[in-house]
Amino acid sequence: VAAVVFMNEASRNIPVQYARRIRAG
């Protein structure tokens, strides 16, 4: 049961960076 809960919640996080943009000041 513990393994099922753990694996269902497990994830690999991929970092994503958003560039800074300027629109209408």
mmCIF file of all heavy atoms, coordinates in Angstrom:
data_MODEL
# 
_entry.id   MODEL 
# 
loop_
_atom_site.group_PDB 
_atom_site.id 
_atom_site.type_symbol 
_atom_site.label_atom_id 
_atom_site.label_alt_id 
_atom_site.label_comp_id 
_atom_site.label_asym_id 
_atom_site.label_entity_id 
_atom_site.label_seq_id 
_atom_site.pdbx_PDB_ins_code 
_atom_site.Cartn_x 
_atom_site.Cartn_y 
_atom_site.Cartn_z 
_atom_site.occupancy 
_atom_site.B_iso_or_equiv 
_atom_site.pdbx_formal_charge 
_atom_site.auth_seq_id 
_atom_site.auth_comp_id 
_atom_site.auth_asym_id 
_atom_site.auth_atom_id 
_atom_site.pdbx_PDB_model_num 
ATOM 1   N N   . VAL A 1 1  ? 0.830  -1.203 0.000   1.00 0.00 ? 1  VAL A N   1 
ATOM 2   C CA  . VAL A 1 1  ? 0.000  0.000  0.000   1.00 0.00 ? 1  VAL A CA  1 
ATOM 3   C C   . VAL A 1 1  ? 0.867  1.256  0.000   1.00 0.00 ? 1  VAL A C   1 
ATOM 4   O O   . VAL A 1 1  ? 0.608  2.213  -0.750  1.00 0.00 ? 1  VAL A O   1 
ATOM 5   C CB  . VAL A 1 1  ? -0.955 -0.002 1.211   1.00 0.00 ? 1  VAL A CB  1 
ATOM 6   C CG1 . VAL A 1 1  ? -1.724 1.312  1.287   1.00 0.00 ? 1  VAL A CG1 1 
ATOM 7   C CG2 . VAL A 1 1  ? -1.930 -1.167 1.125   1.00 0.00 ? 1  VAL A CG2 1 
ATOM 8   N N   . ALA A 1 2  ? 1.923  1.268  0.838   1.00 0.00 ? 2  ALA A N   1 
ATOM 9   C CA  . ALA A 1 2  ? 2.813  2.426  0.903   1.00 0.00 ? 2  ALA A CA  1 
ATOM 10  C C   . ALA A 1 2  ? 3.510  2.670  -0.435  1.00 0.00 ? 2  ALA A C   1 
ATOM 11  O O   . ALA A 1 2  ? 3.654  3.813  -0.874  1.00 0.00 ? 2  ALA A O   1 
ATOM 12  C CB  . ALA A 1 2  ? 3.851  2.229  2.008   1.00 0.00 ? 2  ALA A CB  1 
ATOM 13  N N   . ALA A 1 3  ? 3.931  1.594  -1.096  1.00 0.00 ? 3  ALA A N   1 
ATOM 14  C CA  . ALA A 1 3  ? 4.593  1.730  -2.392  1.00 0.00 ? 3  ALA A CA  1 
ATOM 15  C C   . ALA A 1 3  ? 3.651  2.284  -3.446  1.00 0.00 ? 3  ALA A C   1 
ATOM 16  O O   . ALA A 1 3  ? 4.049  3.115  -4.273  1.00 0.00 ? 3  ALA A O   1 
ATOM 17  C CB  . ALA A 1 3  ? 5.152  0.375  -2.835  1.00 0.00 ? 3  ALA A CB  1 
ATOM 18  N N   . VAL A 1 4  ? 2.402  1.845  -3.431  1.00 0.00 ? 4  VAL A N   1 
ATOM 19  C CA  . VAL A 1 4  ? 1.419  2.352  -4.395  1.00 0.00 ? 4  VAL A CA  1 
ATOM 20  C C   . VAL A 1 4  ? 1.198  3.841  -4.204  1.00 0.00 ? 4  VAL A C   1 
ATOM 21  O O   . VAL A 1 4  ? 1.177  4.614  -5.168  1.00 0.00 ? 4  VAL A O   1 
ATOM 22  C CB  . VAL A 1 4  ? 0.088  1.576  -4.260  1.00 0.00 ? 4  VAL A CB  1 
ATOM 23  C CG1 . VAL A 1 4  ? -1.002 2.246  -5.091  1.00 0.00 ? 4  VAL A CG1 1 
ATOM 24  C CG2 . VAL A 1 4  ? 0.263  0.137  -4.704  1.00 0.00 ? 4  VAL A CG2 1 
ATOM 25  N N   . VAL A 1 5  ? 1.035  4.266  -2.946  1.00 0.00 ? 5  VAL A N   1 
ATOM 26  C CA  . VAL A 1 5  ? 0.831  5.685  -2.664  1.00 0.00 ? 5  VAL A CA  1 
ATOM 27  C C   . VAL A 1 5  ? 2.049  6.500  -3.096  1.00 0.00 ? 5  VAL A C   1 
ATOM 28  O O   . VAL A 1 5  ? 1.929  7.553  -3.737  1.00 0.00 ? 5  VAL A O   1 
ATOM 29  C CB  . VAL A 1 5  ? 0.535  5.902  -1.168  1.00 0.00 ? 5  VAL A CB  1 
ATOM 30  C CG1 . VAL A 1 5  ? 0.451  7.389  -0.856  1.00 0.00 ? 5  VAL A CG1 1 
ATOM 31  C CG2 . VAL A 1 5  ? -0.764 5.212  -0.767  1.00 0.00 ? 5  VAL A CG2 1 
ATOM 32  N N   . PHE A 1 6  ? 3.251  6.004  -2.751  1.00 0.00 ? 6  PHE A N   1 
ATOM 33  C CA  . PHE A 1 6  ? 4.481  6.724  -3.086  1.00 0.00 ? 6  PHE A CA  1 
ATOM 34  C C   . PHE A 1 6  ? 4.656  6.878  -4.592  1.00 0.00 ? 6  PHE A C   1 
ATOM 35  O O   . PHE A 1 6  ? 4.944  7.973  -5.086  1.00 0.00 ? 6  PHE A O   1 
ATOM 36  C CB  . PHE A 1 6  ? 5.688  5.997  -2.490  1.00 0.00 ? 6  PHE A CB  1 
ATOM 37  C CG  . PHE A 1 6  ? 7.011  6.602  -2.871  1.00 0.00 ? 6  PHE A CG  1 
ATOM 38  C CD1 . PHE A 1 6  ? 7.474  7.743  -2.239  1.00 0.00 ? 6  PHE A CD1 1 
ATOM 39  C CD2 . PHE A 1 6  ? 7.785  6.022  -3.877  1.00 0.00 ? 6  PHE A CD2 1 
ATOM 40  C CE1 . PHE A 1 6  ? 8.695  8.305  -2.598  1.00 0.00 ? 6  PHE A CE1 1 
ATOM 41  C CE2 . PHE A 1 6  ? 9.004  6.580  -4.238  1.00 0.00 ? 6  PHE A CE2 1 
ATOM 42  C CZ  . PHE A 1 6  ? 9.453  7.717  -3.601  1.00 0.00 ? 6  PHE A CZ  1 
ATOM 43  N N   . MET A 1 7  ? 4.481  5.797  -5.334  1.00 0.00 ? 7  MET A N   1 
ATOM 44  C CA  . MET A 1 7  ? 4.692  5.844  -6.778  1.00 0.00 ? 7  MET A CA  1 
ATOM 45  C C   . MET A 1 7  ? 3.624  6.656  -7.492  1.00 0.00 ? 7  MET A C   1 
ATOM 46  O O   . MET A 1 7  ? 3.890  7.250  -8.534  1.00 0.00 ? 7  MET A O   1 
ATOM 47  C CB  . MET A 1 7  ? 4.754  4.432  -7.338  1.00 0.00 ? 7  MET A CB  1 
ATOM 48  C CG  . MET A 1 7  ? 5.958  3.639  -6.885  1.00 0.00 ? 7  MET A CG  1 
ATOM 49  S SD  . MET A 1 7  ? 7.542  4.364  -7.359  1.00 0.00 ? 7  MET A SD  1 
ATOM 50  C CE  . MET A 1 7  ? 7.507  4.105  -9.132  1.00 0.00 ? 7  MET A CE  1 
ATOM 51  N N   . ASN A 1 8  ? 2.423  6.678  -6.954  1.00 0.00 ? 8  ASN A N   1 
ATOM 52  C CA  . ASN A 1 8  ? 1.382  7.508  -7.557  1.00 0.00 ? 8  ASN A CA  1 
ATOM 53  C C   . ASN A 1 8  ? 1.659  8.995  -7.388  1.00 0.00 ? 8  ASN A C   1 
ATOM 54  O O   . ASN A 1 8  ? 1.245  9.807  -8.215  1.00 0.00 ? 8  ASN A O   1 
ATOM 55  C CB  . ASN A 1 8  ? 0.018  7.160  -6.965  1.00 0.00 ? 8  ASN A CB  1 
ATOM 56  C CG  . ASN A 1 8  ? -0.697 6.056  -7.724  1.00 0.00 ? 8  ASN A CG  1 
ATOM 57  O OD1 . ASN A 1 8  ? -1.348 6.274  -8.736  1.00 0.00 ? 8  ASN A OD1 1 
ATOM 58  N ND2 . ASN A 1 8  ? -0.569 4.844  -7.225  1.00 0.00 ? 8  ASN A ND2 1 
ATOM 59  N N   . GLU A 1 9  ? 2.345  9.347  -6.309  1.00 0.00 ? 9  GLU A N   1 
ATOM 60  C CA  . GLU A 1 9  ? 2.638  10.746 -6.042  1.00 0.00 ? 9  GLU A CA  1 
ATOM 61  C C   . GLU A 1 9  ? 4.003  11.174 -6.572  1.00 0.00 ? 9  GLU A C   1 
ATOM 62  O O   . GLU A 1 9  ? 4.279  12.380 -6.653  1.00 0.00 ? 9  GLU A O   1 
ATOM 63  C CB  . GLU A 1 9  ? 2.577  11.014 -4.536  1.00 0.00 ? 9  GLU A CB  1 
ATOM 64  C CG  . GLU A 1 9  ? 1.205  10.764 -3.912  1.00 0.00 ? 9  GLU A CG  1 
ATOM 65  C CD  . GLU A 1 9  ? 0.131  11.651 -4.506  1.00 0.00 ? 9  GLU A CD  1 
ATOM 66  O OE1 . GLU A 1 9  ? 0.348  12.890 -4.554  1.00 0.00 ? 9  GLU A OE1 1 
ATOM 67  O OE2 . GLU A 1 9  ? -0.915 11.127 -4.921  1.00 0.00 ? 9  GLU A OE2 1 
ATOM 68  N N   . ALA A 1 10 ? 4.871  10.234 -6.933  1.00 0.00 ? 10 ALA A N   1 
ATOM 69  C CA  . ALA A 1 10 ? 6.230  10.555 -7.363  1.00 0.00 ? 10 ALA A CA  1 
ATOM 70  C C   . ALA A 1 10 ? 6.228  11.240 -8.731  1.00 0.00 ? 10 ALA A C   1 
ATOM 71  O O   . ALA A 1 10 ? 5.413  10.923 -9.606  1.00 0.00 ? 10 ALA A O   1 
ATOM 72  C CB  . ALA A 1 10 ? 7.086  9.286  -7.414  1.00 0.00 ? 10 ALA A CB  1 
ATOM 73  N N   . SER A 1 11 ? 7.159  12.179 -8.919  1.00 0.00 ? 11 SER A N   1 
ATOM 74  C CA  . SER A 1 11 ? 7.274  12.885 -10.187 1.00 0.00 ? 11 SER A CA  1 
ATOM 75  C C   . SER A 1 11 ? 8.707  13.387 -10.372 1.00 0.00 ? 11 SER A C   1 
ATOM 76  O O   . SER A 1 11 ? 9.455  13.557 -9.402  1.00 0.00 ? 11 SER A O   1 
ATOM 77  C CB  . SER A 1 11 ? 6.288  14.064 -10.264 1.00 0.00 ? 11 SER A CB  1 
ATOM 78  O OG  . SER A 1 11 ? 6.574  15.032 -9.252  1.00 0.00 ? 11 SER A OG  1 
ATOM 79  N N   . ARG A 1 12 ? 9.084  13.612 -11.604 1.00 0.00 ? 12 ARG A N   1 
ATOM 80  C CA  . ARG A 1 12 ? 10.375 14.209 -11.957 1.00 0.00 ? 12 ARG A CA  1 
ATOM 81  C C   . ARG A 1 12 ? 10.105 15.648 -12.401 1.00 0.00 ? 12 ARG A C   1 
ATOM 82  O O   . ARG A 1 12 ? 9.386  15.878 -13.374 1.00 0.00 ? 12 ARG A O   1 
ATOM 83  C CB  . ARG A 1 12 ? 11.025 13.419 -13.096 1.00 0.00 ? 12 ARG A CB  1 
ATOM 84  C CG  . ARG A 1 12 ? 12.205 14.105 -13.760 1.00 0.00 ? 12 ARG A CG  1 
ATOM 85  C CD  . ARG A 1 12 ? 13.455 14.098 -12.905 1.00 0.00 ? 12 ARG A CD  1 
ATOM 86  N NE  . ARG A 1 12 ? 14.547 14.811 -13.529 1.00 0.00 ? 12 ARG A NE  1 
ATOM 87  C CZ  . ARG A 1 12 ? 15.380 14.302 -14.431 1.00 0.00 ? 12 ARG A CZ  1 
ATOM 88  N NH1 . ARG A 1 12 ? 15.272 13.013 -14.776 1.00 0.00 ? 12 ARG A NH1 1 
ATOM 89  N NH2 . ARG A 1 12 ? 16.362 15.017 -14.941 1.00 0.00 ? 12 ARG A NH2 1 
ATOM 90  N N   . ASN A 1 13 ? 10.667 16.603 -11.680 1.00 0.00 ? 13 ASN A N   1 
ATOM 91  C CA  . ASN A 1 13 ? 10.450 18.014 -11.963 1.00 0.00 ? 13 ASN A CA  1 
ATOM 92  C C   . ASN A 1 13 ? 11.491 18.532 -12.950 1.00 0.00 ? 13 ASN A C   1 
ATOM 93  O O   . ASN A 1 13 ? 12.694 18.462 -12.689 1.00 0.00 ? 13 ASN A O   1 
ATOM 94  C CB  . ASN A 1 13 ? 10.479 18.835 -10.674 1.00 0.00 ? 13 ASN A CB  1 
ATOM 95  C CG  . ASN A 1 13 ? 9.330  18.505 -9.746  1.00 0.00 ? 13 ASN A CG  1 
ATOM 96  O OD1 . ASN A 1 13 ? 8.249  18.118 -10.187 1.00 0.00 ? 13 ASN A OD1 1 
ATOM 97  N ND2 . ASN A 1 13 ? 9.539  18.655 -8.441  1.00 0.00 ? 13 ASN A ND2 1 
ATOM 98  N N   . ILE A 1 14 ? 11.020 19.056 -14.066 1.00 0.00 ? 14 ILE A N   1 
ATOM 99  C CA  . ILE A 1 14 ? 11.888 19.642 -15.095 1.00 0.00 ? 14 ILE A CA  1 
ATOM 100 C C   . ILE A 1 14 ? 11.874 21.158 -14.921 1.00 0.00 ? 14 ILE A C   1 
ATOM 101 O O   . ILE A 1 14 ? 10.796 21.779 -15.017 1.00 0.00 ? 14 ILE A O   1 
ATOM 102 C CB  . ILE A 1 14 ? 11.407 19.276 -16.512 1.00 0.00 ? 14 ILE A CB  1 
ATOM 103 C CG1 . ILE A 1 14 ? 11.287 17.757 -16.660 1.00 0.00 ? 14 ILE A CG1 1 
ATOM 104 C CG2 . ILE A 1 14 ? 12.358 19.849 -17.549 1.00 0.00 ? 14 ILE A CG2 1 
ATOM 105 C CD1 . ILE A 1 14 ? 12.572 17.016 -16.490 1.00 0.00 ? 14 ILE A CD1 1 
ATOM 106 N N   . PRO A 1 15 ? 13.025 21.807 -14.659 1.00 0.00 ? 15 PRO A N   1 
ATOM 107 C CA  . PRO A 1 15 ? 13.037 23.268 -14.486 1.00 0.00 ? 15 PRO A CA  1 
ATOM 108 C C   . PRO A 1 15 ? 12.695 23.990 -15.792 1.00 0.00 ? 15 PRO A C   1 
ATOM 109 O O   . PRO A 1 15 ? 13.170 23.611 -16.860 1.00 0.00 ? 15 PRO A O   1 
ATOM 110 C CB  . PRO A 1 15 ? 14.484 23.550 -14.046 1.00 0.00 ? 15 PRO A CB  1 
ATOM 111 C CG  . PRO A 1 15 ? 15.277 22.400 -14.578 1.00 0.00 ? 15 PRO A CG  1 
ATOM 112 C CD  . PRO A 1 15 ? 14.369 21.209 -14.538 1.00 0.00 ? 15 PRO A CD  1 
ATOM 113 N N   . VAL A 1 16 ? 11.888 25.020 -15.675 1.00 0.00 ? 16 VAL A N   1 
ATOM 114 C CA  . VAL A 1 16 ? 11.500 25.849 -16.821 1.00 0.00 ? 16 VAL A CA  1 
ATOM 115 C C   . VAL A 1 16 ? 11.710 27.315 -16.448 1.00 0.00 ? 16 VAL A C   1 
ATOM 116 O O   . VAL A 1 16 ? 11.223 27.772 -15.410 1.00 0.00 ? 16 VAL A O   1 
ATOM 117 C CB  . VAL A 1 16 ? 10.032 25.608 -17.232 1.00 0.00 ? 16 VAL A CB  1 
ATOM 118 C CG1 . VAL A 1 16 ? 9.654  26.506 -18.408 1.00 0.00 ? 16 VAL A CG1 1 
ATOM 119 C CG2 . VAL A 1 16 ? 9.799  24.150 -17.587 1.00 0.00 ? 16 VAL A CG2 1 
ATOM 120 N N   . GLN A 1 17 ? 12.437 28.030 -17.278 1.00 0.00 ? 17 GLN A N   1 
ATOM 121 C CA  . GLN A 1 17 ? 12.721 29.447 -17.064 1.00 0.00 ? 17 GLN A CA  1 
ATOM 122 C C   . GLN A 1 17 ? 11.970 30.267 -18.110 1.00 0.00 ? 17 GLN A C   1 
ATOM 123 O O   . GLN A 1 17 ? 12.004 29.954 -19.302 1.00 0.00 ? 17 GLN A O   1 
ATOM 124 C CB  . GLN A 1 17 ? 14.229 29.714 -17.174 1.00 0.00 ? 17 GLN A CB  1 
ATOM 125 C CG  . GLN A 1 17 ? 14.633 31.162 -16.949 1.00 0.00 ? 17 GLN A CG  1 
ATOM 126 C CD  . GLN A 1 17 ? 14.515 31.574 -15.508 1.00 0.00 ? 17 GLN A CD  1 
ATOM 127 O OE1 . GLN A 1 17 ? 14.836 30.804 -14.608 1.00 0.00 ? 17 GLN A OE1 1 
ATOM 128 N NE2 . GLN A 1 17 ? 14.043 32.802 -15.263 1.00 0.00 ? 17 GLN A NE2 1 
ATOM 129 N N   . TYR A 1 18 ? 11.271 31.295 -17.648 1.00 0.00 ? 18 TYR A N   1 
ATOM 130 C CA  . TYR A 1 18 ? 10.548 32.185 -18.554 1.00 0.00 ? 18 TYR A CA  1 
ATOM 131 C C   . TYR A 1 18 ? 11.312 33.492 -18.697 1.00 0.00 ? 18 TYR A C   1 
ATOM 132 O O   . TYR A 1 18 ? 11.703 34.119 -17.701 1.00 0.00 ? 18 TYR A O   1 
ATOM 133 C CB  . TYR A 1 18 ? 9.127  32.447 -18.054 1.00 0.00 ? 18 TYR A CB  1 
ATOM 134 C CG  . TYR A 1 18 ? 8.213  31.257 -18.235 1.00 0.00 ? 18 TYR A CG  1 
ATOM 135 C CD1 . TYR A 1 18 ? 8.060  30.316 -17.216 1.00 0.00 ? 18 TYR A CD1 1 
ATOM 136 C CD2 . TYR A 1 18 ? 7.523  31.059 -19.423 1.00 0.00 ? 18 TYR A CD2 1 
ATOM 137 C CE1 . TYR A 1 18 ? 7.249  29.212 -17.383 1.00 0.00 ? 18 TYR A CE1 1 
ATOM 138 C CE2 . TYR A 1 18 ? 6.697  29.957 -19.597 1.00 0.00 ? 18 TYR A CE2 1 
ATOM 139 C CZ  . TYR A 1 18 ? 6.572  29.040 -18.583 1.00 0.00 ? 18 TYR A CZ  1 
ATOM 140 O OH  . TYR A 1 18 ? 5.756  27.951 -18.760 1.00 0.00 ? 18 TYR A OH  1 
ATOM 141 N N   . ALA A 1 19 ? 11.524 33.891 -19.963 1.00 0.00 ? 19 ALA A N   1 
ATOM 142 C CA  . ALA A 1 19 ? 12.276 35.108 -20.238 1.00 0.00 ? 19 ALA A CA  1 
ATOM 143 C C   . ALA A 1 19 ? 11.461 36.343 -19.857 1.00 0.00 ? 19 ALA A C   1 
ATOM 144 O O   . ALA A 1 19 ? 10.227 36.328 -19.897 1.00 0.00 ? 19 ALA A O   1 
ATOM 145 C CB  . ALA A 1 19 ? 12.644 35.167 -21.728 1.00 0.00 ? 19 ALA A CB  1 
ATOM 146 N N   . ARG A 1 20 ? 12.146 37.400 -19.491 1.00 0.00 ? 20 ARG A N   1 
ATOM 147 C CA  . ARG A 1 20 ? 11.483 38.643 -19.121 1.00 0.00 ? 20 ARG A CA  1 
ATOM 148 C C   . ARG A 1 20 ? 11.111 39.404 -20.389 1.00 0.00 ? 20 ARG A C   1 
ATOM 149 O O   . ARG A 1 20 ? 11.921 39.620 -21.284 1.00 0.00 ? 20 ARG A O   1 
ATOM 150 C CB  . ARG A 1 20 ? 12.406 39.488 -18.251 1.00 0.00 ? 20 ARG A CB  1 
ATOM 151 C CG  . ARG A 1 20 ? 11.788 40.792 -17.771 1.00 0.00 ? 20 ARG A CG  1 
ATOM 152 C CD  . ARG A 1 20 ? 12.711 41.497 -16.793 1.00 0.00 ? 20 ARG A CD  1 
ATOM 153 N NE  . ARG A 1 20 ? 12.909 40.686 -15.594 1.00 0.00 ? 20 ARG A NE  1 
ATOM 154 C CZ  . ARG A 1 20 ? 13.716 41.054 -14.608 1.00 0.00 ? 20 ARG A CZ  1 
ATOM 155 N NH1 . ARG A 1 20 ? 14.393 42.194 -14.681 1.00 0.00 ? 20 ARG A NH1 1 
ATOM 156 N NH2 . ARG A 1 20 ? 13.850 40.260 -13.549 1.00 0.00 ? 20 ARG A NH2 1 
ATOM 157 N N   . ARG A 1 21 ? 9.856  39.823 -20.481 1.00 0.00 ? 21 ARG A N   1 
ATOM 158 C CA  . ARG A 1 21 ? 9.362  40.583 -21.627 1.00 0.00 ? 21 ARG A CA  1 
ATOM 159 C C   . ARG A 1 21 ? 8.704  41.879 -21.147 1.00 0.00 ? 21 ARG A C   1 
ATOM 160 O O   . ARG A 1 21 ? 8.103  41.915 -20.070 1.00 0.00 ? 21 ARG A O   1 
ATOM 161 C CB  . ARG A 1 21 ? 8.341  39.752 -22.427 1.00 0.00 ? 21 ARG A CB  1 
ATOM 162 C CG  . ARG A 1 21 ? 8.925  38.520 -23.093 1.00 0.00 ? 21 ARG A CG  1 
ATOM 163 C CD  . ARG A 1 21 ? 7.827  37.685 -23.714 1.00 0.00 ? 21 ARG A CD  1 
ATOM 164 N NE  . ARG A 1 21 ? 6.949  37.155 -22.675 1.00 0.00 ? 21 ARG A NE  1 
ATOM 165 C CZ  . ARG A 1 21 ? 5.809  36.503 -22.950 1.00 0.00 ? 21 ARG A CZ  1 
ATOM 166 N NH1 . ARG A 1 21 ? 5.419  36.341 -24.190 1.00 0.00 ? 21 ARG A NH1 1 
ATOM 167 N NH2 . ARG A 1 21 ? 5.063  36.055 -21.961 1.00 0.00 ? 21 ARG A NH2 1 
ATOM 168 N N   . ILE A 1 22 ? 8.821  42.915 -21.964 1.00 0.00 ? 22 ILE A N   1 
ATOM 169 C CA  . ILE A 1 22 ? 8.230  44.212 -21.639 1.00 0.00 ? 22 ILE A CA  1 
ATOM 170 C C   . ILE A 1 22 ? 7.201  44.555 -22.713 1.00 0.00 ? 22 ILE A C   1 
ATOM 171 O O   . ILE A 1 22 ? 7.519  44.641 -23.895 1.00 0.00 ? 22 ILE A O   1 
ATOM 172 C CB  . ILE A 1 22 ? 9.306  45.318 -21.558 1.00 0.00 ? 22 ILE A CB  1 
ATOM 173 C CG1 . ILE A 1 22 ? 10.331 44.962 -20.473 1.00 0.00 ? 22 ILE A CG1 1 
ATOM 174 C CG2 . ILE A 1 22 ? 8.666  46.673 -21.267 1.00 0.00 ? 22 ILE A CG2 1 
ATOM 175 C CD1 . ILE A 1 22 ? 11.469 45.955 -20.367 1.00 0.00 ? 22 ILE A CD1 1 
ATOM 176 N N   . ARG A 1 23 ? 5.955  44.719 -22.268 1.00 0.00 ? 23 ARG A N   1 
ATOM 177 C CA  . ARG A 1 23 ? 4.867  45.103 -23.166 1.00 0.00 ? 23 ARG A CA  1 
ATOM 178 C C   . ARG A 1 23 ? 4.087  46.234 -22.534 1.00 0.00 ? 23 ARG A C   1 
ATOM 179 O O   . ARG A 1 23 ? 3.627  46.135 -21.397 1.00 0.00 ? 23 ARG A O   1 
ATOM 180 C CB  . ARG A 1 23 ? 3.931  43.909 -23.430 1.00 0.00 ? 23 ARG A CB  1 
ATOM 181 C CG  . ARG A 1 23 ? 4.546  42.817 -24.282 1.00 0.00 ? 23 ARG A CG  1 
ATOM 182 C CD  . ARG A 1 23 ? 3.526  41.713 -24.539 1.00 0.00 ? 23 ARG A CD  1 
ATOM 183 N NE  . ARG A 1 23 ? 4.099  40.651 -25.359 1.00 0.00 ? 23 ARG A NE  1 
ATOM 184 C CZ  . ARG A 1 23 ? 3.436  39.546 -25.709 1.00 0.00 ? 23 ARG A CZ  1 
ATOM 185 N NH1 . ARG A 1 23 ? 2.169  39.384 -25.315 1.00 0.00 ? 23 ARG A NH1 1 
ATOM 186 N NH2 . ARG A 1 23 ? 4.029  38.632 -26.451 1.00 0.00 ? 23 ARG A NH2 1 
ATOM 187 N N   . ALA A 1 24 ? 3.959  47.347 -23.340 1.00 0.00 ? 24 ALA A N   1 
ATOM 188 C CA  . ALA A 1 24 ? 3.198  48.510 -22.889 1.00 0.00 ? 24 ALA A CA  1 
ATOM 189 C C   . ALA A 1 24 ? 3.716  49.034 -21.546 1.00 0.00 ? 24 ALA A C   1 
ATOM 190 O O   . ALA A 1 24 ? 2.932  49.439 -20.678 1.00 0.00 ? 24 ALA A O   1 
ATOM 191 C CB  . ALA A 1 24 ? 1.701  48.194 -22.809 1.00 0.00 ? 24 ALA A CB  1 
ATOM 192 N N   . GLY A 1 25 ? 5.034  48.974 -21.388 1.00 0.00 ? 25 GLY A N   1 
ATOM 193 C CA  . GLY A 1 25 ? 5.644  49.481 -20.164 1.00 0.00 ? 25 GLY A CA  1 
ATOM 194 C C   . GLY A 1 25 ? 5.552  48.558 -18.973 1.00 0.00 ? 25 GLY A C   1 
ATOM 195 O O   . GLY A 1 25 ? 5.989  48.913 -17.875 1.00 0.00 ? 25 GLY A O   1 
# 
